[in-house]
Structures are given as structure tokens and as C-alpha cells.
Amino acid sequence: MTKLCQATRKLSTMNDNQEIRNLDFHIRPTSANLYSLELIDSASGTLLHNDFMYNPKGLEYLEALEGLEHRGLILHSSDRELLKKSGKTLYDMIFSAKQSDYLKRVMLQSRSLRLRFIIDDYKMAVVLPWELLYDGENFLGLIYPISRLVIGTAHKRIENIPYPLRI
């Protein structure tokens, strides 16, 4: 069992000893538009690996979603279909058939499930609407808590600031 799996198991117990099952999705870039996704189950230690292509320019629905964001809270039926299509496109892009089957099986078995996305690419983490993941039946973010943790971000050095700073 990897150290990440062991750490995941230790973090999976709440204060009242109710077991929470975590599904961690560790996403990291491997080359220009190729990414690796590891699904790690805290309860069983299962590890499923998948590679997928991600090209932000190929996701035309992101622009349409921005339009919805600016319009407000009133959604029309066409808006709902756009959200479903967008969520399903993202779901199919990142999950392999094996991972999708596993996720659906775990969702049927577990009452307390948490989906945690650990992402090594800042832009992917903030641009993609992870809460809209749609498996064809449900928006995962409406059923289970979804969190994202961005790691491996490059820290830019701030230069040419006149000191002392005045606030």
C-alpha cells in the first residue's frame, strides 16, 4: 500500500467515528495535453489508473457556462441541458470505463462518500467545473461533497518592489 493510500485511510475517520469513504482523484500532467488520473479508494486501498487528453481549447462549453454565470440564478430548460452536456463531457473525458464503473459501484455501497480532486495543474483546477460532473443520471456535486486541492503550483518570485512597503 502506498504512503498516499495510508494517509488517506488515516484521514477518513470523523470525530464521531462515523467512517467516511474518500475517493481521491489525483490528476497530474504527464506531457503537453496528456494527464494521468489515479483513483484511490480510502476504504479498500483500490488504485485505478487512467490517462486522458485535456485541451482547454477543445471544451467549447466553457464559454457557454460563463454566459450562464453572468445571467444569474434563473435557469431555462436549455440551460439545464447545457449543464448536463457539460458535466457529462467532463466526466467522460477524465474517467475510464473501469473507473466510472467502480465509482458507480461505490456510490451504491457507501452512504458517506467524499470526492476529493488532488490536481497538479492550477489552471485545470480552477477552470474546470468539477462540481458539474454528470454521470448520465446525477450531478455528483449535488449528491456528494466535492473538494479540490491544488498542489505543485509554481510560485512566482516578486521582484522590483520598492521597499519599504507603505500600507
Foldseek 3Di string as FASTA:
>chain_A
DDPVLVVLLVPQADPVRDGAKEWEWEWEDDDDFKIKTWTAINPPRDIDIDIFGDDPVPLVLLVVVVVVVVVDDDDDPVRVVSLQVSQQVVQPRHDDPVRLVVVVVVVVVDPHYAYEYEYADVCCQPSRPQQSNHSPDDRVNVRHHYYYHYPNDDDDDDDDDDPPDDD
